[in-house]
């Protein structure tokens, strides 16, 4: 039985078509166009939303630039900005249950996950970066002979963000919080599949007293609003989170305008399991990794390299765990794994399973379509076989893992580092020194030990190779990404 919608959620969804937020006002698209967002658990239309295009992006960038120069946000002392960002975080907490229902409906994820992690984490991001900005030194003296000199850190200006559909509200926090805390203004283009929580957030920003134009949200299709923002010459910085294929196009467009571009892209994370692990515990954690958000997690472990001595026992344990996963609608409190976000994504996952088997992969756990309702459901799947199989090489973005055996530490490292990605890997062993050596040898932005998907504010997170460039998130580095450096010097 699904959890009943809160009155605030019903009221929010009833005001259709949902408008965009530009210059402190809720407005329709300039061309009057709309698009539909659907409930992945039922396939039914959730809402009609204003479909922005180049004209709307122009208006949003102009509003952000005006606010940067005239609203006082950039010139405001860091502690005064922090007060407003803390007030906004308090409102996120106050509306957490409504935001969690909206996120669950829009993405398809279990309500408990949205309420327990996604929504509160955005509030934590606002508080962390607000406080970090207060304690960040913006002037650093330079000791030079016969010269008074220092570096000054100042905000860039209006910054553009193009964000994905898998964690829309959490990634809003990860991206917008450091930019806002540093004194920048923002233009956000949320994913067309999941724009709802970003639009609800605009109400909270307005209520918190964030000056008009500091936060602007333009929903729309990627080929219209997203492309227009990526190609726009107005933003001082661009950040994109999504696939390497689209990331290349965003970087190319930003490069033509000589605008700094920050990319957080996909992954094909590996988990290396040595023969001294607790098999039952590790099987449970890795089963949880590929069912979290139905496997739609860029940094999750989808290549499992298992020592040959424990391979059969581990496979038995993890298969038994995955066979018991309860699929259902995100608002059903008994649901452990929801649907994927769309029919397009469902076809993608099923297509990879078909291609993998055609290339000789063994189906350790069949997976495939699931009859859990009228939504976009797929069952967890485990494949095994050659490391060159397409399912061992490419990001599937669904509840699918690929199993590989290894005999020696060197063999495991080589198998992991054959990947073109480089976001996050994990090493599992009771031998701390061995785990540390292997973790350091793996090519990625993040190496975790005896855990996967490890996040904490202050712990840098970013990628290399196909997994990203231009900076990280969740750490002081992210705040510095949104403060440009300027040198001041006076000969004595």
Protein backbone atom coordinates (compact mmCIF):
# COMPACT_ATOMS: atom_id res chain seq x y z
CA UNK A 1 0.00 0.00 0.00
CA UNK A 2 1.41 3.38 -1.00
CA UNK A 3 1.95 6.15 1.53
CA UNK A 4 -0.69 8.88 1.16
CA UNK A 5 0.50 12.15 -0.33
CA UNK A 6 0.91 15.08 2.03
CA UNK A 7 -1.37 18.10 1.48
CA UNK A 8 1.69 20.20 0.55
CA UNK A 9 2.62 17.72 -2.18
CA UNK A 10 -0.94 17.57 -3.52
CA UNK A 11 -1.08 21.37 -3.60
CA UNK A 12 2.29 21.61 -5.34
CA UNK A 13 1.34 19.08 -8.05
CA UNK A 14 -2.09 20.65 -8.56
CA UNK A 15 -0.68 23.99 -9.73
CA UNK A 16 0.00 22.85 -13.30
CA UNK A 17 1.74 23.53 -15.53
CA UNK A 18 4.51 24.01 -13.01
CA UNK A 19 6.39 27.25 -13.81
CA UNK A 20 10.10 27.96 -13.89
CA UNK A 21 11.80 30.34 -11.46
CA UNK A 22 13.65 33.32 -12.94
CA UNK A 23 14.63 36.57 -11.27
CA UNK A 24 12.67 35.76 -8.12
CA UNK A 25 9.40 35.10 -9.98
CA UNK A 26 7.57 31.93 -11.01
CA UNK A 27 6.96 32.31 -14.74
CA UNK A 28 5.81 30.18 -17.69
CA UNK A 29 8.14 29.37 -20.57
CA UNK A 30 8.53 32.25 -22.99
CA UNK A 31 7.15 30.12 -25.82
CA UNK A 32 4.37 28.68 -23.65
CA UNK A 33 5.59 25.10 -24.15
CA UNK A 34 5.36 22.33 -21.55
CA UNK A 35 6.61 18.76 -21.11
CA UNK A 36 5.45 15.84 -18.97
CA UNK A 37 7.21 14.10 -16.10
CA UNK A 38 5.99 10.61 -15.21
CA UNK A 39 5.84 8.43 -12.11
CA UNK A 40 8.31 5.59 -12.87
CA UNK A 41 6.36 3.26 -10.61
CA UNK A 42 3.14 3.52 -12.62
CA UNK A 43 4.01 5.20 -15.90
CA UNK A 44 1.34 7.82 -15.21
CA UNK A 45 1.85 11.53 -15.78
CA UNK A 46 2.85 13.31 -12.57
CA UNK A 47 2.95 16.87 -13.83
CA UNK A 48 3.17 19.17 -16.79
CA UNK A 49 6.16 21.48 -16.47
CA UNK A 50 7.19 24.65 -18.26
CA UNK A 51 9.61 23.73 -21.07
CA UNK A 52 12.35 26.31 -21.24
CA UNK A 53 14.40 27.05 -24.32
CA UNK A 54 17.14 29.49 -25.36
CA UNK A 55 14.99 32.54 -24.63
CA UNK A 56 14.32 31.37 -21.08
CA UNK A 57 17.99 30.56 -20.52
CA UNK A 58 18.87 34.07 -21.77
CA UNK A 59 16.45 35.54 -19.23
CA UNK A 60 17.79 33.37 -16.39
CA UNK A 61 21.43 34.18 -17.14
CA UNK A 62 20.59 37.89 -17.35
CA UNK A 63 18.77 37.68 -14.01
CA UNK A 64 21.71 35.89 -12.40
CA UNK A 65 24.19 38.43 -13.78
CA UNK A 66 22.04 41.33 -12.58
CA UNK A 67 21.75 39.78 -9.13
CA UNK A 68 25.50 39.19 -8.95
CA UNK A 69 26.23 42.87 -9.66
CA UNK A 70 23.25 44.54 -7.99
CA UNK A 71 21.58 42.32 -5.37
CA UNK A 72 24.44 42.56 -2.91
CA UNK A 73 24.90 38.78 -2.70
CA UNK A 74 28.50 38.79 -3.95
CA UNK A 75 29.53 41.74 -1.78
CA UNK A 76 27.72 40.42 1.30
CA UNK A 77 30.01 39.30 4.15
CA UNK A 78 30.35 35.50 4.24
CA UNK A 79 28.67 35.27 7.64
CA UNK A 80 25.62 37.19 6.37
CA UNK A 81 25.31 34.82 3.39
CA UNK A 82 25.73 31.93 5.81
CA UNK A 83 22.76 33.13 7.85
CA UNK A 84 20.53 33.00 4.76
CA UNK A 85 21.89 29.63 3.64
CA UNK A 86 21.32 28.18 7.12
CA UNK A 87 17.78 29.56 7.00
CA UNK A 88 17.32 27.82 3.64
CA UNK A 89 18.71 24.57 5.08
CA UNK A 90 16.27 24.86 7.99
CA UNK A 91 13.42 25.14 5.49
CA UNK A 92 14.69 22.06 3.65
CA UNK A 93 14.53 20.19 6.96
CA UNK A 94 11.08 21.60 7.74
CA UNK A 95 9.75 20.46 4.34
CA UNK A 96 11.77 17.24 4.27
CA UNK A 97 8.76 14.90 4.20
CA UNK A 98 7.16 16.74 1.29
CA UNK A 99 10.45 16.90 -0.61
CA UNK A 100 11.04 13.17 0.01
CA UNK A 101 7.62 12.28 -1.40
CA UNK A 102 8.23 14.47 -4.45
CA UNK A 103 11.67 12.88 -4.98
CA UNK A 104 10.29 9.37 -4.57
CA UNK A 105 7.49 10.04 -7.04
CA UNK A 106 9.73 11.69 -9.61
CA UNK A 107 12.74 9.33 -9.50
CA UNK A 108 11.04 6.10 -8.41
CA UNK A 109 13.35 5.52 -5.44
CA UNK A 110 12.06 4.16 -2.11
CA UNK A 111 10.66 6.89 0.12
CA UNK A 112 12.88 5.76 3.00
CA UNK A 113 16.00 6.44 0.93
CA UNK A 114 14.84 9.87 -0.17
CA UNK A 115 13.81 10.78 3.38
CA UNK A 116 16.81 9.22 5.08
CA UNK A 117 19.61 10.40 2.80
CA UNK A 118 18.85 12.46 -0.30
CA UNK A 119 16.85 15.31 1.22
CA UNK A 120 18.74 15.81 4.50
CA UNK A 121 22.05 15.60 2.65
CA UNK A 122 21.16 18.70 0.62
CA UNK A 123 20.54 20.55 3.87
CA UNK A 124 23.89 19.36 5.17
CA UNK A 125 25.57 20.67 2.02
CA UNK A 126 24.09 24.14 2.50
CA UNK A 127 25.27 24.26 6.12
CA UNK A 128 28.71 22.79 5.45
CA UNK A 129 29.63 25.24 2.70
CA UNK A 130 28.04 28.20 4.46
CA UNK A 131 30.22 27.54 7.50
CA UNK A 132 33.28 26.72 5.40
CA UNK A 133 33.00 30.03 3.57
CA UNK A 134 32.93 31.92 6.87
CA UNK A 135 36.21 30.30 7.92
CA UNK A 136 37.98 30.48 4.54
CA UNK A 137 40.73 33.05 4.22
CA UNK A 138 40.13 35.13 1.11
CA UNK A 139 43.41 37.04 1.34
CA UNK A 140 46.76 35.25 1.47
CA UNK A 141 49.97 37.31 1.75
CA UNK A 142 52.94 36.55 -0.51
CA UNK A 143 56.39 37.13 0.94
CA UNK A 144 58.43 38.90 -1.76
CA UNK A 145 61.41 41.21 -1.50
CA UNK A 146 60.61 44.91 -1.90
CA UNK A 147 56.97 44.22 -2.64
CA UNK A 148 53.67 44.13 -0.83
CA UNK A 149 51.65 41.35 -2.46
CA UNK A 150 48.79 39.02 -1.78
CA UNK A 151 46.26 36.81 -3.53
CA UNK A 152 42.57 37.54 -3.25
CA UNK A 153 39.77 35.01 -3.80
CA UNK A 154 36.54 36.43 -5.23
CA UNK A 155 33.37 34.83 -6.67
CA UNK A 156 33.20 34.29 -10.42
CA UNK A 157 29.71 35.56 -11.17
CA UNK A 158 26.69 33.77 -12.65
CA UNK A 159 27.36 30.00 -12.76
CA UNK A 160 25.45 27.46 -14.85
CA UNK A 161 24.54 23.94 -13.69
CA UNK A 162 23.16 21.04 -15.73
CA UNK A 163 22.25 18.20 -13.37
CA UNK A 164 21.09 14.57 -13.81
CA UNK A 165 18.00 12.64 -12.86
CA UNK A 166 19.31 9.99 -10.45
CA UNK A 167 19.83 12.17 -7.34
CA UNK A 168 18.26 15.49 -8.34
CA UNK A 169 17.91 17.10 -4.92
CA UNK A 170 21.07 15.77 -3.35
CA UNK A 171 23.13 16.88 -6.36
CA UNK A 172 21.42 20.26 -6.25
CA UNK A 173 22.90 20.60 -2.77
CA UNK A 174 26.33 19.29 -3.77
CA UNK A 175 26.57 21.74 -6.68
CA UNK A 176 24.71 24.90 -5.73
CA UNK A 177 25.80 25.10 -2.07
CA UNK A 178 29.51 25.83 -2.69
CA UNK A 179 28.74 28.27 -5.50
CA UNK A 180 26.22 30.20 -3.41
CA UNK A 181 28.37 30.17 -0.28
CA UNK A 182 31.25 31.64 -2.30
CA UNK A 183 29.04 34.53 -3.42
CA UNK A 184 28.09 33.42 -6.92
CA UNK A 185 24.62 33.40 -8.44
CA UNK A 186 23.27 30.32 -10.20
CA UNK A 187 21.22 29.10 -13.14
CA UNK A 188 20.11 25.47 -12.82
CA UNK A 189 18.78 23.28 -15.61
CA UNK A 190 17.40 20.14 -13.88
CA UNK A 191 16.96 16.85 -15.73
CA UNK A 192 13.78 16.65 -17.78
CA UNK A 193 12.84 13.36 -16.09
CA UNK A 194 13.07 14.75 -12.56
CA UNK A 195 12.58 18.54 -12.27
CA UNK A 196 10.06 18.59 -9.43
CA UNK A 197 12.17 18.82 -6.27
CA UNK A 198 14.28 21.61 -7.81
CA UNK A 199 11.13 23.63 -8.48
CA UNK A 200 9.85 23.03 -4.94
CA UNK A 201 13.24 24.21 -3.67
CA UNK A 202 12.64 27.57 -5.36
CA UNK A 203 9.68 28.15 -3.06
CA UNK A 204 11.95 27.59 -0.08
CA UNK A 205 14.62 29.93 -1.46
CA UNK A 206 12.00 32.63 -1.84
CA UNK A 207 10.73 32.04 1.69
CA UNK A 208 14.28 32.09 3.10
CA UNK A 209 14.85 35.56 1.70
CA UNK A 210 17.47 34.66 -0.90
CA UNK A 211 17.65 37.82 -3.08
CA UNK A 212 15.81 37.74 -6.40
CA UNK A 213 17.94 36.37 -9.22
CA UNK A 214 20.48 34.62 -7.01
CA UNK A 215 18.84 31.25 -7.74
CA UNK A 216 17.20 30.58 -11.12
CA UNK A 217 15.77 27.25 -12.32
CA UNK A 218 14.91 26.59 -15.97
CA UNK A 219 13.41 23.13 -16.59
CA UNK A 220 13.20 21.83 -20.12
CA UNK A 221 14.49 19.28 -22.59
CA UNK A 222 18.21 18.70 -22.78
CA UNK A 223 18.41 19.52 -26.48
CA UNK A 224 16.74 22.89 -25.86
CA UNK A 225 17.35 24.30 -22.37
CA UNK A 226 20.42 22.20 -21.58
CA UNK A 227 22.15 22.90 -24.87
CA UNK A 228 21.30 26.60 -24.61
CA UNK A 229 22.89 26.87 -21.17
CA UNK A 230 26.00 24.91 -22.19
CA UNK A 231 26.47 27.13 -25.26
CA UNK A 232 25.69 30.41 -23.53
CA UNK A 233 28.51 32.94 -23.38
CA UNK A 234 27.14 34.59 -20.22
CA UNK A 235 27.94 32.18 -17.36
CA UNK A 236 31.31 32.56 -15.65
CA UNK A 237 31.49 28.81 -14.98
CA UNK A 238 29.61 25.72 -16.14
CA UNK A 239 29.17 22.47 -14.20
CA UNK A 240 27.69 19.29 -15.64
CA UNK A 241 26.91 15.95 -14.00
CA UNK A 242 25.95 13.08 -16.29
CA UNK A 243 27.30 10.79 -18.97
CA UNK A 244 30.74 11.15 -20.63
CA UNK A 245 29.03 11.42 -24.03
CA UNK A 246 27.02 14.51 -23.05
CA UNK A 247 29.90 15.77 -20.91
CA UNK A 248 32.08 16.00 -24.02
CA UNK A 249 29.47 18.14 -25.77
CA UNK A 250 29.11 20.43 -22.76
CA UNK A 251 32.89 20.81 -22.48
CA UNK A 252 33.20 21.56 -26.20
CA UNK A 253 30.51 24.23 -26.01
CA UNK A 254 32.04 25.81 -22.90
CA UNK A 255 35.49 25.65 -24.47
CA UNK A 256 34.36 27.65 -27.48
CA UNK A 257 33.40 30.43 -25.07
CA UNK A 258 36.56 29.91 -22.94
CA UNK A 259 34.38 29.25 -19.89
CA UNK A 260 35.80 26.98 -17.15
CA UNK A 261 33.90 23.69 -17.12
CA UNK A 262 33.55 21.21 -14.28
CA UNK A 263 32.44 17.65 -15.17
CA UNK A 264 31.34 14.85 -12.84
CA UNK A 265 30.68 11.92 -15.16
CA UNK A 266 29.93 8.22 -15.13
CA UNK A 267 31.77 5.24 -13.75
CA UNK A 268 32.31 1.50 -13.87
CA UNK A 269 33.37 0.98 -10.29
CA UNK A 270 35.15 -2.18 -9.19
CA UNK A 271 35.03 -4.03 -5.89
CA UNK A 272 38.08 -6.25 -5.23
CA UNK A 273 37.33 -9.05 -2.75
CA UNK A 274 40.22 -10.97 -1.21
CA UNK A 275 39.83 -14.42 0.30
CA UNK A 276 39.88 -13.22 3.93
CA UNK A 277 36.62 -11.22 3.80
CA UNK A 278 33.47 -11.96 5.75
CA UNK A 279 31.54 -13.44 2.82
CA UNK A 280 28.00 -12.95 4.13
CA UNK A 281 28.62 -9.37 5.23
CA UNK A 282 30.39 -8.38 2.01
CA UNK A 283 27.70 -10.02 -0.13
CA UNK A 284 25.06 -8.02 1.72
CA UNK A 285 26.89 -4.73 1.24
CA UNK A 286 27.54 -5.25 -2.46
CA UNK A 287 23.97 -6.41 -3.07
CA UNK A 288 22.92 -3.16 -1.41
CA UNK A 289 25.29 -1.22 -3.67
CA UNK A 290 23.70 -2.35 -6.94
CA UNK A 291 20.12 -2.11 -5.66
CA UNK A 292 20.63 1.39 -4.20
CA UNK A 293 18.58 3.72 -6.41
CA UNK A 294 18.08 0.67 -8.67
CA UNK A 295 21.74 0.76 -9.66
CA UNK A 296 21.42 4.26 -11.09
CA UNK A 297 24.51 5.48 -9.23
CA UNK A 298 27.59 6.59 -11.15
CA UNK A 299 30.10 5.57 -8.46
CA UNK A 300 28.60 2.25 -7.42
CA UNK A 301 30.42 -1.08 -7.71
CA UNK A 302 29.31 -2.92 -10.86
CA UNK A 303 32.46 -5.00 -11.50
CA UNK A 304 33.05 -7.53 -8.74
CA UNK A 305 36.52 -9.08 -8.77
CA UNK A 306 36.43 -12.06 -6.41
CA UNK A 307 39.39 -14.19 -5.33
CA UNK A 308 39.09 -17.69 -6.79
CA UNK A 309 39.18 -19.35 -3.35
CA UNK A 310 35.91 -17.75 -2.25
CA UNK A 311 34.27 -17.15 -5.63
CA UNK A 312 31.64 -19.92 -5.51
CA UNK A 313 30.66 -19.23 -1.89
CA UNK A 314 30.39 -15.49 -2.50
CA UNK A 315 28.26 -16.01 -5.63
CA UNK A 316 25.88 -18.27 -3.71
CA UNK A 317 25.56 -15.73 -0.89
CA UNK A 318 24.99 -12.65 -3.04
CA UNK A 319 22.60 -14.43 -5.40
CA UNK A 320 20.48 -15.57 -2.45
CA UNK A 321 20.38 -11.99 -1.17
CA UNK A 322 19.41 -10.46 -4.51
CA UNK A 323 16.69 -13.05 -5.14
CA UNK A 324 14.90 -11.77 -2.03
CA UNK A 325 14.94 -8.07 -2.94
CA UNK A 326 11.40 -6.71 -2.83
CA UNK A 327 10.51 -4.56 -5.85
CA UNK A 328 7.71 -2.03 -5.71
CA UNK A 329 6.54 1.55 -5.93
CA UNK A 330 8.72 4.08 -4.14
CA UNK A 331 5.88 5.15 -1.83
CA UNK A 332 5.26 1.57 -0.66
CA UNK A 333 7.06 1.31 2.72
CA UNK A 334 7.91 -2.36 2.03
CA UNK A 335 9.79 -1.56 -1.20
CA UNK A 336 13.53 -2.29 -1.15
CA UNK A 337 14.17 -1.40 -4.81
CA UNK A 338 12.02 0.77 -7.04
CA UNK A 339 11.81 1.03 -10.83
CA UNK A 340 14.37 2.66 -13.09
CA UNK A 341 13.54 6.25 -13.97
CA UNK A 342 11.95 5.81 -17.40
CA UNK A 343 10.99 3.37 -20.12
CA UNK A 344 14.05 4.55 -22.06
CA UNK A 345 16.29 3.59 -19.16
CA UNK A 346 14.50 0.26 -18.78
CA UNK A 347 15.17 -0.53 -22.44
CA UNK A 348 18.82 0.46 -21.96
CA UNK A 349 19.33 -1.96 -19.05
CA UNK A 350 17.55 -4.83 -20.77
CA UNK A 351 19.47 -4.12 -23.98
CA UNK A 352 22.79 -4.43 -22.17
CA UNK A 353 21.77 -7.75 -20.64
CA UNK A 354 20.92 -9.04 -24.10
CA UNK A 355 24.19 -7.78 -25.59
CA UNK A 356 26.23 -9.23 -22.72
CA UNK A 357 24.73 -12.68 -23.12
CA UNK A 358 25.18 -12.51 -26.89
CA UNK A 359 28.89 -11.94 -26.26
CA UNK A 360 29.11 -15.03 -24.10
CA UNK A 361 28.40 -13.79 -20.58
CA UNK A 362 26.92 -16.36 -18.19
CA UNK A 363 23.75 -15.27 -16.39
CA UNK A 364 24.49 -16.11 -12.75
CA UNK A 365 21.23 -14.35 -11.86
CA UNK A 366 18.97 -13.84 -14.84
CA UNK A 367 17.48 -10.42 -14.13
CA UNK A 368 15.28 -8.97 -16.86
CA UNK A 369 11.82 -7.44 -16.85
CA UNK A 370 9.86 -7.55 -13.59
CA UNK A 371 6.11 -7.73 -13.20
CA UNK A 372 5.94 -5.42 -10.17
CA UNK A 373 3.33 -3.06 -11.59
CA UNK A 374 2.83 -0.91 -14.65
CA UNK A 375 6.05 1.02 -14.12
CA UNK A 376 9.61 0.64 -15.36
CA UNK A 377 10.77 -2.32 -13.30
CA UNK A 378 13.76 -4.61 -13.85
CA UNK A 379 15.10 -7.38 -11.64
CA UNK A 380 18.67 -7.45 -10.30
CA UNK A 381 21.06 -9.35 -12.55
CA UNK A 382 24.49 -10.94 -12.18
CA UNK A 383 26.65 -11.78 -15.18
CA UNK A 384 30.04 -13.49 -15.32
CA UNK A 385 32.62 -14.18 -17.97
CA UNK A 386 35.28 -12.49 -20.06
CA UNK A 387 36.57 -9.06 -18.91
CA UNK A 388 36.19 -7.73 -22.45
CA UNK A 389 32.44 -8.31 -22.45
CA UNK A 390 30.42 -5.14 -23.08
CA UNK A 391 28.75 -5.49 -19.68
CA UNK A 392 32.16 -5.54 -18.00
CA UNK A 393 33.31 -2.49 -19.94
CA UNK A 394 30.42 -0.03 -20.26
CA UNK A 395 28.27 1.74 -17.70
CA UNK A 396 24.80 0.14 -17.65
CA UNK A 397 23.22 2.32 -14.93
CA UNK A 398 20.92 -0.35 -13.60
CA UNK A 399 20.91 -3.16 -10.98
CA UNK A 400 23.52 -5.26 -12.80
CA UNK A 401 26.94 -6.49 -11.66
CA UNK A 402 29.61 -8.37 -13.60
CA UNK A 403 31.65 -11.05 -11.81
CA UNK A 404 35.32 -11.78 -12.50
CA UNK A 405 37.72 -14.22 -10.80
CA UNK A 406 41.28 -13.36 -9.88
CA UNK A 407 44.22 -15.27 -8.41
CA UNK A 408 46.85 -12.68 -7.54
CA UNK A 409 46.86 -9.10 -6.30
CA UNK A 410 48.63 -7.92 -9.47
CA UNK A 411 46.03 -9.60 -11.67
CA UNK A 412 43.22 -7.85 -9.79
CA UNK A 413 44.88 -4.43 -10.10
CA UNK A 414 45.42 -4.90 -13.82
CA UNK A 415 41.81 -5.96 -14.38
CA UNK A 416 40.51 -2.91 -12.51
CA UNK A 417 42.79 -0.44 -14.28
CA UNK A 418 41.83 -1.66 -17.75
CA UNK A 419 38.67 0.43 -17.44
CA UNK A 420 38.47 3.78 -19.24
CA UNK A 421 36.56 5.15 -16.24
CA UNK A 422 38.04 6.35 -12.98
CA UNK A 423 35.45 7.38 -10.43
CA UNK A 424 35.35 4.99 -7.47
CA UNK A 425 36.61 1.52 -6.53
CA UNK A 426 36.71 -0.44 -3.29
CA UNK A 427 39.01 -3.07 -1.77
CA UNK A 428 37.70 -5.65 0.69
CA UNK A 429 40.13 -7.47 2.97
CA UNK A 430 40.88 -8.12 6.64
CA UNK A 431 44.52 -7.27 5.89
CA UNK A 432 44.64 -3.47 6.22
CA UNK A 433 48.12 -3.07 4.72
CA UNK A 434 47.23 -5.12 1.65
CA UNK A 435 43.96 -3.25 1.24
CA UNK A 436 45.77 0.09 1.46
CA UNK A 437 48.43 -0.93 -1.10
CA UNK A 438 45.81 -2.10 -3.58
CA UNK A 439 43.57 0.93 -3.00
CA UNK A 440 46.49 3.23 -3.80
CA UNK A 441 47.27 1.29 -6.98
CA UNK A 442 43.77 1.59 -8.44
CA UNK A 443 43.28 4.44 -10.90
CA UNK A 444 40.31 6.46 -9.72
CA UNK A 445 39.36 9.62 -7.91
CA UNK A 446 38.21 7.57 -4.91
CA UNK A 447 39.36 4.27 -3.39
CA UNK A 448 37.35 2.93 -0.45
CA UNK A 449 38.28 0.12 1.91
CA UNK A 450 35.75 -2.43 3.21
CA UNK A 451 32.87 -0.22 2.11
CA UNK A 452 31.47 1.30 -1.07
CA UNK A 453 29.69 4.61 -1.70
CA UNK A 454 31.45 6.46 1.13
CA UNK A 455 30.57 10.16 1.43
CA UNK A 456 31.31 12.73 4.11
CA UNK A 457 31.60 16.50 3.98
CA UNK A 458 35.28 17.30 4.02
CA UNK A 459 36.14 14.08 2.12
CA UNK A 460 37.03 15.07 -1.47
CA UNK A 461 35.10 13.28 -4.21
CA UNK A 462 35.84 13.49 -7.93
CA UNK A 463 36.83 11.47 -10.97
CA UNK A 464 39.58 10.98 -13.56
CA UNK A 465 39.66 9.76 -17.16
CA UNK A 466 36.10 9.27 -18.50
CA UNK A 467 34.72 9.98 -15.03
CA UNK A 468 35.34 13.69 -14.92
CA UNK A 469 37.59 16.70 -14.67
CA UNK A 470 37.75 20.21 -13.31
CA UNK A 471 37.33 19.74 -9.57
CA UNK A 472 35.55 17.75 -6.90
CA UNK A 473 32.63 18.06 -4.53
CA UNK A 474 31.91 17.85 -0.78
CA UNK A 475 35.20 19.44 0.30
CA UNK A 476 37.08 22.74 0.56
CA UNK A 477 38.24 22.13 -3.00
CA UNK A 478 34.64 22.54 -4.17
CA UNK A 479 34.34 25.94 -2.50
CA UNK A 480 37.65 27.03 -4.04
CA UNK A 481 36.32 25.95 -7.46
CA UNK A 482 33.88 28.87 -7.22
CA UNK A 483 36.40 31.47 -6.05
CA UNK A 484 38.69 32.85 -8.72
CA UNK A 485 42.16 33.96 -7.69
CA UNK A 486 43.35 37.52 -8.23
CA UNK A 487 46.87 38.81 -7.46
CA UNK A 488 47.39 42.24 -5.88
CA UNK A 489 50.91 43.71 -5.83
CA UNK A 490 52.60 47.02 -4.91
CA UNK A 491 56.33 47.59 -5.35
CA UNK A 492 57.90 49.18 -2.29
